[in-house]
PDB file of N, CA and C in Angstrom:
ATOM      1  N   MET A   1      82.921 127.722 187.072  1.00  0.00           N
ATOM      2  CA  MET A   1      81.326 127.262 187.201  1.00  0.00           C
ATOM      3  C   MET A   1      81.492 126.189 186.276  1.00  0.00           C
ATOM      4  N   SER A   2      80.538 124.865 186.250  1.00  0.00           N
ATOM      5  CA  SER A   2      80.360 124.156 185.333  1.00  0.00           C
ATOM      6  C   SER A   2      78.741 124.182 185.460  1.00  0.00           C
ATOM      7  N   THR A   3      78.630 123.416 184.002  1.00  0.00           N
ATOM      8  CA  THR A   3      77.172 123.288 183.924  1.00  0.00           C
ATOM      9  C   THR A   3      76.646 121.744 184.130  1.00  0.00           C
ATOM     10  N   LYS A   4      75.368 121.561 184.741  1.00  0.00           N
ATOM     11  CA  LYS A   4      75.081 120.383 184.947  1.00  0.00           C
ATOM     12  C   LYS A   4      74.448 119.440 184.012  1.00  0.00           C
ATOM     13  N   TYR A   5      74.203 119.549 182.709  1.00  0.00           N
ATOM     14  CA  TYR A   5      74.030 118.856 181.661  1.00  0.00           C
ATOM     15  C   TYR A   5      74.772 118.957 180.247  1.00  0.00           C
ATOM     16  N   LEU A   6      75.768 120.265 180.268  1.00  0.00           N
ATOM     17  CA  LEU A   6      76.537 120.575 178.988  1.00  0.00           C
ATOM     18  C   LEU A   6      77.893 120.098 179.340  1.00  0.00           C
ATOM     19  N   LYS A   7      78.879 119.871 178.590  1.00  0.00           N
ATOM     20  CA  LYS A   7      80.063 119.373 178.688  1.00  0.00           C
ATOM     21  C   LYS A   7      80.879 120.265 177.800  1.00  0.00           C
ATOM     22  N   ASN A   8      81.980 120.389 178.134  1.00  0.00           N
ATOM     23  CA  ASN A   8      83.150 120.967 177.002  1.00  0.00           C
ATOM     24  C   ASN A   8      82.896 122.466 176.483  1.00  0.00           C
ATOM     25  N   ILE A   9      82.142 123.205 176.968  1.00  0.00           N
ATOM     26  CA  ILE A   9      81.557 124.034 176.789  1.00  0.00           C
ATOM     27  C   ILE A   9      81.381 125.063 178.254  1.00  0.00           C
ATOM     28  N   MET A  10      81.891 126.516 177.803  1.00  0.00           N
ATOM     29  CA  MET A  10      81.849 127.434 178.991  1.00  0.00           C
ATOM     30  C   MET A  10      80.360 128.018 179.330  1.00  0.00           C
ATOM     31  N   PRO A  11      79.572 128.076 180.322  1.00  0.00           N
ATOM     32  CA  PRO A  11      78.351 128.637 180.787  1.00  0.00           C
ATOM     33  C   PRO A  11      78.595 130.088 180.559  1.00  0.00           C
ATOM     34  N   GLU A  12      77.583 130.927 180.542  1.00  0.00           N
ATOM     35  CA  GLU A  12      77.640 132.379 180.751  1.00  0.00           C
ATOM     36  C   GLU A  12      78.549 133.065 180.188  1.00  0.00           C
ATOM     37  N   GLU A  13      78.971 132.632 178.771  1.00  0.00           N
ATOM     38  CA  GLU A  13      79.976 133.099 177.728  1.00  0.00           C
ATOM     39  C   GLU A  13      79.415 133.217 176.596  1.00  0.00           C
ATOM     40  N   VAL A  14      79.572 134.262 175.738  1.00  0.00           N
ATOM     41  CA  VAL A  14      79.036 134.253 174.320  1.00  0.00           C
ATOM     42  C   VAL A  14      80.285 133.491 173.541  1.00  0.00           C
ATOM     43  N   LEU A  15      79.743 132.461 172.884  1.00  0.00           N
ATOM     44  CA  LEU A  15      80.448 131.621 172.029  1.00  0.00           C
ATOM     45  C   LEU A  15      80.294 131.691 170.797  1.00  0.00           C
ATOM     46  N   ASP A  16      81.551 131.634 170.129  1.00  0.00           N
ATOM     47  CA  ASP A  16      81.040 131.115 168.392  1.00  0.00           C
ATOM     48  C   ASP A  16      81.514 129.788 168.373  1.00  0.00           C
ATOM     49  N   LEU A  17      80.430 129.115 167.771  1.00  0.00           N
ATOM     50  CA  LEU A  17      80.968 127.650 167.901  1.00  0.00           C
ATOM     51  C   LEU A  17      81.724 127.107 167.049  1.00  0.00           C
ATOM     52  N   THR A  18      81.996 128.051 165.867  1.00  0.00           N
ATOM     53  CA  THR A  18      82.502 127.563 164.843  1.00  0.00           C
ATOM     54  C   THR A  18      84.362 127.808 165.328  1.00  0.00           C
ATOM     55  N   LYS A  19      84.563 128.186 166.373  1.00  0.00           N
ATOM     56  CA  LYS A  19      85.938 128.313 166.716  1.00  0.00           C
ATOM     57  C   LYS A  19      85.894 127.275 167.913  1.00  0.00           C
ATOM     58  N   LEU A  20      85.179 126.539 168.357  1.00  0.00           N
ATOM     59  CA  LEU A  20      85.125 125.218 169.380  1.00  0.00           C
ATOM     60  C   LEU A  20      85.809 123.834 168.747  1.00  0.00           C
ATOM     61  N   VAL A  21      85.813 124.128 167.140  1.00  0.00           N
ATOM     62  CA  VAL A  21      86.251 122.759 166.569  1.00  0.00           C
ATOM     63  C   VAL A  21      87.209 123.485 165.912  1.00  0.00           C
ATOM     64  N   GLU A  22      88.268 122.992 165.499  1.00  0.00           N
ATOM     65  CA  GLU A  22      89.173 123.264 164.350  1.00  0.00           C
ATOM     66  C   GLU A  22      89.640 122.001 163.381  1.00  0.00           C
ATOM     67  N   TYR A  23      89.751 122.352 162.020  1.00  0.00           N
ATOM     68  CA  TYR A  23      90.309 121.747 161.086  1.00  0.00           C
ATOM     69  C   TYR A  23      91.285 121.047 161.378  1.00  0.00           C
ATOM     70  N   GLN A  24      91.495 119.881 161.132  1.00  0.00           N
ATOM     71  CA  GLN A  24      92.822 118.761 161.025  1.00  0.00           C
ATOM     72  C   GLN A  24      92.925 118.190 159.611  1.00  0.00           C
ATOM     73  N   PRO A  25      94.204 117.966 159.190  1.00  0.00           N
ATOM     74  CA  PRO A  25      94.558 117.441 157.804  1.00  0.00           C
ATOM     75  C   PRO A  25      93.884 116.072 157.937  1.00  0.00           C
ATOM     76  N   ARG A  26      93.023 115.769 157.034  1.00  0.00           N
ATOM     77  CA  ARG A  26      92.581 114.445 156.719  1.00  0.00           C
ATOM     78  C   ARG A  26      91.631 113.831 157.599  1.00  0.00           C
ATOM     79  N   GLN A  27      91.101 114.608 158.260  1.00  0.00           N
ATOM     80  CA  GLN A  27      90.340 114.157 159.501  1.00  0.00           C
ATOM     81  C   GLN A  27      88.859 114.726 159.817  1.00  0.00           C
ATOM     82  N   VAL A  28      88.261 114.132 160.612  1.00  0.00           N
ATOM     83  CA  VAL A  28      87.170 114.583 160.964  1.00  0.00           C
ATOM     84  C   VAL A  28      86.781 114.706 162.502  1.00  0.00           C
ATOM     85  N   VAL A  29      87.007 116.329 162.984  1.00  0.00           N
ATOM     86  CA  VAL A  29      87.279 116.716 164.545  1.00  0.00           C
ATOM     87  C   VAL A  29      85.739 116.461 164.876  1.00  0.00           C
ATOM     88  N   SER A  30      85.871 116.007 166.539  1.00  0.00           N
ATOM     89  CA  SER A  30      84.467 116.109 166.732  1.00  0.00           C
ATOM     90  C   SER A  30      84.519 116.865 168.564  1.00  0.00           C
ATOM     91  N   ARG A  31      83.606 117.326 169.024  1.00  0.00           N
ATOM     92  CA  ARG A  31      83.428 118.041 170.406  1.00  0.00           C
ATOM     93  C   ARG A  31      82.108 117.944 170.671  1.00  0.00           C
ATOM     94  N   THR A  32      82.057 116.640 171.435  1.00  0.00           N
ATOM     95  CA  THR A  32      80.467 116.516 172.204  1.00  0.00           C
ATOM     96  C   THR A  32      79.996 117.685 173.112  1.00  0.00           C
ATOM     97  N   LEU A  33      78.798 117.905 173.071  1.00  0.00           N
ATOM     98  CA  LEU A  33      78.450 119.195 174.162  1.00  0.00           C
ATOM     99  C   LEU A  33      77.464 118.543 175.164  1.00  0.00           C
ATOM    100  N   VAL A  34      76.686 117.612 174.696  1.00  0.00           N
ATOM    101  CA  VAL A  34      75.629 116.618 175.428  1.00  0.00           C
ATOM    102  C   VAL A  34      75.682 115.359 174.958  1.00  0.00           C
ATOM    103  N   GLN A  35      75.504 114.516 175.754  1.00  0.00           N
ATOM    104  CA  GLN A  35      75.539 112.973 175.297  1.00  0.00           C
ATOM    105  C   GLN A  35      74.370 112.341 176.535  1.00  0.00           C
ATOM    106  N   ASN A  36      73.262 111.887 176.471  1.00  0.00           N
ATOM    107  CA  ASN A  36      72.448 111.117 177.114  1.00  0.00           C
ATOM    108  C   ASN A  36      71.219 109.935 176.399  1.00  0.00           C
ATOM    109  N   ARG A  37      70.668 109.859 177.152  1.00  0.00           N
ATOM    110  CA  ARG A  37      69.690 108.855 176.444  1.00  0.00           C
ATOM    111  C   ARG A  37      68.674 109.477 175.664  1.00  0.00           C
ATOM    112  N   ALA A  38      68.522 110.946 175.785  1.00  0.00           N
ATOM    113  CA  ALA A  38      67.495 111.490 175.375  1.00  0.00           C
ATOM    114  C   ALA A  38      68.132 112.367 174.132  1.00  0.00           C
ATOM    115  N   ILE A  39      69.355 113.108 174.406  1.00  0.00           N
ATOM    116  CA  ILE A  39      69.900 113.743 173.012  1.00  0.00           C
ATOM    117  C   ILE A  39      71.089 114.131 172.992  1.00  0.00           C
ATOM    118  N   SER A  40      71.809 114.284 171.938  1.00  0.00           N
ATOM    119  CA  SER A  40      73.392 114.189 171.502  1.00  0.00           C
ATOM    120  C   SER A  40      73.647 115.391 171.020  1.00  0.00           C
ATOM    121  N   ILE A  41      74.237 116.085 171.289  1.00  0.00           N
ATOM    122  CA  ILE A  41      74.790 117.685 170.491  1.00  0.00           C
ATOM    123  C   ILE A  41      76.035 117.532 170.268  1.00  0.00           C
ATOM    124  N   THR A  42      76.596 117.311 169.075  1.00  0.00           N
ATOM    125  CA  THR A  42      78.364 117.570 168.875  1.00  0.00           C
ATOM    126  C   THR A  42      78.552 118.500 167.814  1.00  0.00           C
ATOM    127  N   LEU A  43      79.562 119.062 167.968  1.00  0.00           N
ATOM    128  CA  LEU A  43      80.165 119.820 167.095  1.00  0.00           C
ATOM    129  C   LEU A  43      81.108 118.865 166.206  1.00  0.00           C
ATOM    130  N   PHE A  44      81.236 119.275 164.780  1.00  0.00           N
ATOM    131  CA  PHE A  44      82.097 118.673 163.719  1.00  0.00           C
ATOM    132  C   PHE A  44      82.792 119.686 162.781  1.00  0.00           C
ATOM    133  N   ALA A  45      84.090 118.926 162.888  1.00  0.00           N
ATOM    134  CA  ALA A  45      84.985 119.975 161.440  1.00  0.00           C
ATOM    135  C   ALA A  45      85.573 118.909 160.642  1.00  0.00           C
ATOM    136  N   PHE A  46      85.082 119.035 159.543  1.00  0.00           N
ATOM    137  CA  PHE A  46      85.613 118.012 158.252  1.00  0.00           C
ATOM    138  C   PHE A  46      86.673 118.685 157.498  1.00  0.00           C
ATOM    139  N   ASP A  47      87.453 117.923 157.348  1.00  0.00           N
ATOM    140  CA  ASP A  47      88.577 118.334 156.349  1.00  0.00           C
ATOM    141  C   ASP A  47      88.115 118.066 154.872  1.00  0.00           C
ATOM    142  N   GLN A  48      88.541 118.792 153.988  1.00  0.00           N
ATOM    143  CA  GLN A  48      88.089 118.404 152.857  1.00  0.00           C
ATOM    144  C   GLN A  48      88.438 117.157 152.297  1.00  0.00           C
ATOM    145  N   GLY A  49      87.276 116.410 151.713  1.00  0.00           N
ATOM    146  CA  GLY A  49      87.161 115.127 151.478  1.00  0.00           C
ATOM    147  C   GLY A  49      86.791 113.821 152.392  1.00  0.00           C
ATOM    148  N   GLU A  50      86.703 114.460 153.563  1.00  0.00           N
ATOM    149  CA  GLU A  50      86.378 113.666 154.776  1.00  0.00           C
ATOM    150  C   GLU A  50      85.032 113.462 154.669  1.00  0.00           C
ATOM    151  N   GLU A  51      84.737 112.092 155.136  1.00  0.00           N
ATOM    152  CA  GLU A  51      83.251 111.674 155.361  1.00  0.00           C
ATOM    153  C   GLU A  51      82.888 111.052 156.446  1.00  0.00           C
ATOM    154  N   ILE A  52      81.447 110.748 156.826  1.00  0.00           N
ATOM    155  CA  ILE A  52      81.106 109.951 157.703  1.00  0.00           C
ATOM    156  C   ILE A  52      80.227 108.921 156.938  1.00  0.00           C
ATOM    157  N   SER A  53      80.105 107.741 156.461  1.00  0.00           N
ATOM    158  CA  SER A  53      79.854 107.054 155.467  1.00  0.00           C
ATOM    159  C   SER A  53      78.381 106.720 156.112  1.00  0.00           C
ATOM    160  N   ALA A  54      77.531 105.988 155.234  1.00  0.00           N
ATOM    161  CA  ALA A  54      76.023 105.894 155.503  1.00  0.00           C
ATOM    162  C   ALA A  54      76.026 105.123 156.573  1.00  0.00           C
ATOM    163  N   HIS A  55      75.136 105.360 157.370  1.00  0.00           N
ATOM    164  CA  HIS A  55      74.762 104.377 158.301  1.00  0.00           C
ATOM    165  C   HIS A  55      72.892 105.131 158.915  1.00  0.00           C
ATOM    166  N   THR A  56      72.723 104.315 159.995  1.00  0.00           N
ATOM    167  CA  THR A  56      71.202 105.017 160.569  1.00  0.00           C
ATOM    168  C   THR A  56      71.406 105.116 162.284  1.00  0.00           C
ATOM    169  N   SER A  57      70.410 106.054 162.382  1.00  0.00           N
ATOM    170  CA  SER A  57      70.381 106.192 163.766  1.00  0.00           C
ATOM    171  C   SER A  57      68.421 105.921 164.044  1.00  0.00           C
ATOM    172  N   ASN A  58      68.956 105.656 165.712  1.00  0.00           N
ATOM    173  CA  ASN A  58      67.295 105.303 166.004  1.00  0.00           C
ATOM    174  C   ASN A  58      66.366 106.483 166.506  1.00  0.00           C
ATOM    175  N   GLY A  59      67.256 107.764 166.029  1.00  0.00           N
ATOM    176  CA  GLY A  59      66.799 109.148 166.783  1.00  0.00           C
ATOM    177  C   GLY A  59      67.312 110.056 165.517  1.00  0.00           C
ATOM    178  N   ASP A  60      66.146 111.054 165.378  1.00  0.00           N
ATOM    179  CA  ASP A  60      66.012 112.080 164.334  1.00  0.00           C
ATOM    180  C   ASP A  60      67.168 112.881 164.569  1.00  0.00           C
ATOM    181  N   ALA A  61      68.148 113.135 163.607  1.00  0.00           N
ATOM    182  CA  ALA A  61      69.287 113.839 163.766  1.00  0.00           C
ATOM    183  C   ALA A  61      69.045 115.418 162.686  1.00  0.00           C
ATOM    184  N   MET A  62      69.487 116.178 163.283  1.00  0.00           N
ATOM    185  CA  MET A  62      69.396 117.442 162.362  1.00  0.00           C
ATOM    186  C   MET A  62      71.039 118.058 162.351  1.00  0.00           C
ATOM    187  N   VAL A  63      71.010 118.534 160.963  1.00  0.00           N
ATOM    188  CA  VAL A  63      72.522 118.821 160.980  1.00  0.00           C
ATOM    189  C   VAL A  63      72.452 120.589 160.815  1.00  0.00           C
ATOM    190  N   THR A  64      72.747 121.294 161.293  1.00  0.00           N
ATOM    191  CA  THR A  64      73.414 122.892 160.740  1.00  0.00           C
ATOM    192  C   THR A  64      74.483 123.299 160.427  1.00  0.00           C
ATOM    193  N   VAL A  65      74.868 123.434 159.283  1.00  0.00           N
ATOM    194  CA  VAL A  65      76.175 123.900 158.829  1.00  0.00           C
ATOM    195  C   VAL A  65      76.274 125.382 159.590  1.00  0.00           C
ATOM    196  N   LEU A  66      77.473 125.243 159.932  1.00  0.00           N
ATOM    197  CA  LEU A  66      78.392 126.460 160.730  1.00  0.00           C
ATOM    198  C   LEU A  66      78.871 127.287 159.706  1.00  0.00           C
ATOM    199  N   ALA A  67      80.029 126.669 158.674  1.00  0.00           N
ATOM    200  CA  ALA A  67      80.720 127.032 157.717  1.00  0.00           C
ATOM    201  C   ALA A  67      80.848 126.415 156.909  1.00  0.00           C
ATOM    202  N   GLY A  68      81.185 126.863 155.229  1.00  0.00           N
ATOM    203  CA  GLY A  68      81.411 125.832 154.401  1.00  0.00           C
ATOM    204  C   GLY A  68      80.054 125.497 154.027  1.00  0.00           C
ATOM    205  N   ASN A  69      80.310 124.088 153.235  1.00  0.00           N
ATOM    206  CA  ASN A  69      79.119 123.415 152.224  1.00  0.00           C
ATOM    207  C   ASN A  69      79.309 121.884 152.775  1.00  0.00           C
ATOM    208  N   ALA A  70      78.024 121.288 152.774  1.00  0.00           N
ATOM    209  CA  ALA A  70      78.386 119.635 152.612  1.00  0.00           C
ATOM    210  C   ALA A  70      77.532 118.847 151.721  1.00  0.00           C
ATOM    211  N   ARG A  71      77.463 117.809 151.614  1.00  0.00           N
ATOM    212  CA  ARG A  71      76.805 116.873 150.738  1.00  0.00           C
ATOM    213  C   ARG A  71      76.044 116.061 151.694  1.00  0.00           C
ATOM    214  N   ILE A  72      75.143 116.042 151.750  1.00  0.00           N
ATOM    215  CA  ILE A  72      74.002 115.144 152.731  1.00  0.00           C
ATOM    216  C   ILE A  72      73.619 114.011 152.112  1.00  0.00           C
ATOM    217  N   THR A  73      73.619 113.244 152.406  1.00  0.00           N
ATOM    218  CA  THR A  73      72.785 111.746 151.665  1.00  0.00           C
ATOM    219  C   THR A  73      71.884 111.245 152.603  1.00  0.00           C
ATOM    220  N   ILE A  74      70.623 111.293 152.187  1.00  0.00           N
ATOM    221  CA  ILE A  74      69.327 110.958 152.883  1.00  0.00           C
ATOM    222  C   ILE A  74      68.611 109.698 151.906  1.00  0.00           C
ATOM    223  N   GLY A  75      68.867 108.795 152.489  1.00  0.00           N
ATOM    224  CA  GLY A  75      68.401 107.618 151.624  1.00  0.00           C
ATOM    225  C   GLY A  75      69.293 107.619 150.452  1.00  0.00           C
ATOM    226  N   GLU A  76      68.449 107.875 149.252  1.00  0.00           N
ATOM    227  CA  GLU A  76      68.993 107.901 148.028  1.00  0.00           C
ATOM    228  C   GLU A  76      69.221 109.272 147.390  1.00  0.00           C
ATOM    229  N   LYS A  77      68.966 110.050 148.289  1.00  0.00           N
ATOM    230  CA  LYS A  77      69.199 111.397 147.885  1.00  0.00           C
ATOM    231  C   LYS A  77      70.131 112.412 148.245  1.00  0.00           C
ATOM    232  N   ASP A  78      70.752 113.156 147.376  1.00  0.00           N
ATOM    233  CA  ASP A  78      72.018 113.937 147.937  1.00  0.00           C
ATOM    234  C   ASP A  78      71.468 115.377 147.616  1.00  0.00           C
ATOM    235  N   HIS A  79      71.913 116.259 149.027  1.00  0.00           N
ATOM    236  CA  HIS A  79      71.518 117.520 149.442  1.00  0.00           C
ATOM    237  C   HIS A  79      72.562 118.177 149.383  1.00  0.00           C
ATOM    238  N   THR A  80      72.772 119.239 149.242  1.00  0.00           N
ATOM    239  CA  THR A  80      74.023 120.150 149.247  1.00  0.00           C
ATOM    240  C   THR A  80      73.551 121.361 150.359  1.00  0.00           C
ATOM    241  N   VAL A  81      74.130 121.253 151.730  1.00  0.00           N
ATOM    242  CA  VAL A  81      73.766 122.390 152.796  1.00  0.00           C
ATOM    243  C   VAL A  81      74.760 123.434 152.533  1.00  0.00           C
ATOM    244  N   ALA A  82      74.789 124.708 152.975  1.00  0.00           N
ATOM    245  CA  ALA A  82      75.546 125.693 153.069  1.00  0.00           C
ATOM    246  C   ALA A  82      75.467 126.260 154.199  1.00  0.00           C
ATOM    247  N   ALA A  83      76.248 126.575 154.938  1.00  0.00           N
ATOM    248  CA  ALA A  83      76.462 127.794 155.861  1.00  0.00           C
ATOM    249  C   ALA A  83      75.343 128.534 156.252  1.00  0.00           C
ATOM    250  N   GLY A  84      74.556 128.367 157.391  1.00  0.00           N
ATOM    251  CA  GLY A  84      73.355 128.942 157.774  1.00  0.00           C
ATOM    252  C   GLY A  84      72.235 127.692 157.671  1.00  0.00           C
ATOM    253  N   GLN A  85      72.551 126.979 156.963  1.00  0.00           N
ATOM    254  CA  GLN A  85      71.221 126.083 156.755  1.00  0.00           C
ATOM    255  C   GLN A  85      71.047 124.688 157.251  1.00  0.00           C
ATOM    256  N   THR A  86      70.092 124.296 157.434  1.00  0.00           N
ATOM    257  CA  THR A  86      69.903 122.586 158.311  1.00  0.00           C
ATOM    258  C   THR A  86      68.942 122.032 157.608  1.00  0.00           C
ATOM    259  N   ILE A  87      69.464 120.466 157.996  1.00  0.00           N
ATOM    260  CA  ILE A  87      68.765 119.561 157.173  1.00  0.00           C
ATOM    261  C   ILE A  87      68.204 118.721 158.473  1.00  0.00           C
ATOM    262  N   VAL A  88      67.083 117.673 158.233  1.00  0.00           N
ATOM    263  CA  VAL A  88      66.993 116.717 159.407  1.00  0.00           C
ATOM    264  C   VAL A  88      67.237 115.334 158.674  1.00  0.00           C
ATOM    265  N   MET A  89      67.460 114.649 159.191  1.00  0.00           N
ATOM    266  CA  MET A  89      68.003 112.912 158.710  1.00  0.00           C
ATOM    267  C   MET A  89      67.056 112.494 159.722  1.00  0.00           C
ATOM    268  N   PRO A  90      65.588 111.941 159.052  1.00  0.00           N
ATOM    269  CA  PRO A  90      65.202 110.644 159.710  1.00  0.00           C
ATOM    270  C   PRO A  90      65.352 109.782 160.496  1.00  0.00           C
ATOM    271  N   ALA A  91      65.131 109.261 161.845  1.00  0.00           N
ATOM    272  CA  ALA A  91      65.530 108.539 162.110  1.00  0.00           C
ATOM    273  C   ALA A  91      65.213 107.211 161.454  1.00  0.00           C
ATOM    274  N   GLY A  92      66.154 105.705 161.357  1.00  0.00           N
ATOM    275  CA  GLY A  92      65.987 104.682 160.624  1.00  0.00           C
ATOM    276  C   GLY A  92      66.218 104.971 159.300  1.00  0.00           C
ATOM    277  N   ILE A  93      66.340 106.272 158.635  1.00  0.00           N
ATOM    278  CA  ILE A  93      66.569 105.849 156.919  1.00  0.00           C
ATOM    279  C   ILE A  93      68.369 106.353 157.020  1.00  0.00           C
ATOM    280  N   PRO A  94      69.119 105.450 156.328  1.00  0.00           N
ATOM    281  CA  PRO A  94      70.199 105.333 156.018  1.00  0.00           C
ATOM    282  C   PRO A  94      70.604 106.972 155.361  1.00  0.00           C
ATOM    283  N   HIS A  95      71.657 107.587 156.246  1.00  0.00           N
ATOM    284  CA  HIS A  95      72.219 108.746 155.623  1.00  0.00           C
ATOM    285  C   HIS A  95      73.848 108.783 155.884  1.00  0.00           C
ATOM    286  N   ALA A  96      74.357 109.749 154.938  1.00  0.00           N
ATOM    287  CA  ALA A  96      75.994 109.929 155.179  1.00  0.00           C
ATOM    288  C   ALA A  96      76.295 111.471 154.752  1.00  0.00           C
ATOM    289  N   VAL A  97      77.304 111.813 155.394  1.00  0.00           N
ATOM    290  CA  VAL A  97      77.608 113.309 155.404  1.00  0.00           C
ATOM    291  C   VAL A  97      79.218 113.690 154.948  1.00  0.00           C
ATOM    292  N   ALA A  98      79.346 114.506 153.822  1.00  0.00           N
ATOM    293  CA  ALA A  98      80.448 114.408 153.112  1.00  0.00           C
ATOM    294  C   ALA A  98      80.987 115.679 152.968  1.00  0.00           C
ATOM    295  N   ALA A  99      82.402 115.986 152.899  1.00  0.00           N
ATOM    296  CA  ALA A  99      83.066 117.188 152.832  1.00  0.00           C
ATOM    297  C   ALA A  99      83.369 117.677 151.316  1.00  0.00           C
ATOM    298  N   GLU A 100      82.743 118.125 150.705  1.00  0.00           N
ATOM    299  CA  GLU A 100      83.546 118.579 148.979  1.00  0.00           C
ATOM    300  C   GLU A 100      84.555 119.478 149.574  1.00  0.00           C
ATOM    301  N   ASP A 101      84.592 120.801 150.323  1.00  0.00           N
ATOM    302  CA  ASP A 101      85.386 121.497 150.846  1.00  0.00           C
ATOM    303  C   ASP A 101      85.104 121.387 152.446  1.00  0.00           C
ATOM    304  N   GLN A 102      86.263 122.128 152.989  1.00  0.00           N
ATOM    305  CA  GLN A 102      86.000 122.038 154.816  1.00  0.00           C
ATOM    306  C   GLN A 102      84.741 122.503 155.019  1.00  0.00           C
ATOM    307  N   PHE A 103      84.273 121.891 156.298  1.00  0.00           N
ATOM    308  CA  PHE A 103      82.912 122.719 156.514  1.00  0.00           C
ATOM    309  C   PHE A 103      82.709 121.807 158.098  1.00  0.00           C
ATOM    310  N   LYS A 104      82.227 123.086 158.893  1.00  0.00           N
ATOM    311  CA  LYS A 104      82.058 122.696 160.201  1.00  0.00           C
ATOM    312  C   LYS A 104      80.307 122.588 160.233  1.00  0.00           C
ATOM    313  N   MET A 105      79.877 121.629 161.411  1.00  0.00           N
ATOM    314  CA  MET A 105      78.322 121.512 161.339  1.00  0.00           C
ATOM    315  C   MET A 105      78.221 121.228 163.146  1.00  0.00           C
ATOM    316  N   LEU A 106      76.900 121.559 163.319  1.00  0.00           N
ATOM    317  CA  LEU A 106      76.357 121.147 164.641  1.00  0.00           C
ATOM    318  C   LEU A 106      75.095 120.196 164.543  1.00  0.00           C
ATOM    319  N   LEU A 107      75.590 118.886 165.074  1.00  0.00           N
ATOM    320  CA  LEU A 107      74.543 117.902 165.201  1.00  0.00           C
ATOM    321  C   LEU A 107      73.891 117.428 166.214  1.00  0.00           C
ATOM    322  N   THR A 108      72.607 117.547 165.927  1.00  0.00           N
ATOM    323  CA  THR A 108      71.711 117.548 167.209  1.00  0.00           C
ATOM    324  C   THR A 108      70.557 116.181 166.524  1.00  0.00           C
ATOM    325  N   VAL A 109      71.176 115.150 168.011  1.00  0.00           N
ATOM    326  CA  VAL A 109      70.393 113.894 167.759  1.00  0.00           C
ATOM    327  C   VAL A 109      69.329 113.769 168.653  1.00  0.00           C
ATOM    328  N   VAL A 110      67.935 113.584 168.696  1.00  0.00           N
ATOM    329  CA  VAL A 110      66.600 113.191 169.578  1.00  0.00           C
ATOM    330  C   VAL A 110      66.574 111.891 169.489  1.00  0.00           C
ATOM    331  N   PHE A 111      66.579 111.359 170.762  1.00  0.00           N
ATOM    332  CA  PHE A 111      66.738 110.067 170.472  1.00  0.00           C
ATOM    333  C   PHE A 111      64.956 109.600 171.288  1.00  0.00           C
ATOM    334  N   PRO A 112      64.382 108.550 171.035  1.00  0.00           N
ATOM    335  CA  PRO A 112      62.852 108.182 171.303  1.00  0.00           C
ATOM    336  C   PRO A 112      63.332 107.713 172.692  1.00  0.00           C
ATOM    337  N   LEU A 113      62.450 108.060 173.625  1.00  0.00           N
ATOM    338  CA  LEU A 113      62.149 107.445 175.110  1.00  0.00           C
ATOM    339  C   LEU A 113      61.542 106.390 175.653  1.00  0.00           C
ATOM    340  N   THR A 114      61.876 105.263 175.659  1.00  0.00           N
ATOM    341  CA  THR A 114      60.967 104.343 176.084  1.00  0.00           C
ATOM    342  C   THR A 114      59.923 104.586 176.889  1.00  0.00           C
ATOM    343  N   THR A 115      58.933 103.904 177.516  1.00  0.00           N
ATOM    344  CA  THR A 115      57.911 104.063 178.365  1.00  0.00           C
ATOM    345  C   THR A 115      58.606 103.716 179.742  1.00  0.00           C
ATOM    346  N   LYS A 116      59.628 103.489 179.884  1.00  0.00           N
ATOM    347  CA  LYS A 116      59.991 103.005 181.279  1.00  0.00           C
ATOM    348  C   LYS A 116      60.978 104.337 181.752  1.00  0.00           C
ATOM    349  N   GLU A 117      60.964 105.137 181.154  1.00  0.00           N
ATOM    350  CA  GLU A 117      61.708 106.471 181.551  1.00  0.00           C
ATOM    351  C   GLU A 117      60.848 107.362 182.648  1.00  0.00           C
TER     352      GLU A 117
END
C-alpha cells in the first residue's frame, strides 16, 4: 500500500520518527516525507559538530527537535532548542542549524502559493 502525497513512510503504521533517520559519522542525513510547491516535510539526523550554514527560504520553516539539542540561528540571534521543542524560522530571514551534540529534527516548510494556483 502507498500514500498519495507522502513518500518514504509507511501508511497505517504507528511510527517512531526518530528511528526513520540514523546518525552517520560527520554527516547530516535526511529523509524527505513530502516535497511539493506548497509544503516540504523532512526528517534530519545531525552528527555532533555538523551544520547547515546560514541561508534563506521563501517559505516559513518550523523545526521540531525530536532528539538531542540544536543551536538554531535566526537573523543574528542564537536559540537552543531541545527535544520536544519547536521554533519557527520566518521566510526571508537568514537561518542556520548546528549540532553541538547529535540531534534529530523534523523540518516543515510551508511555501507561499501564487495566485495562479
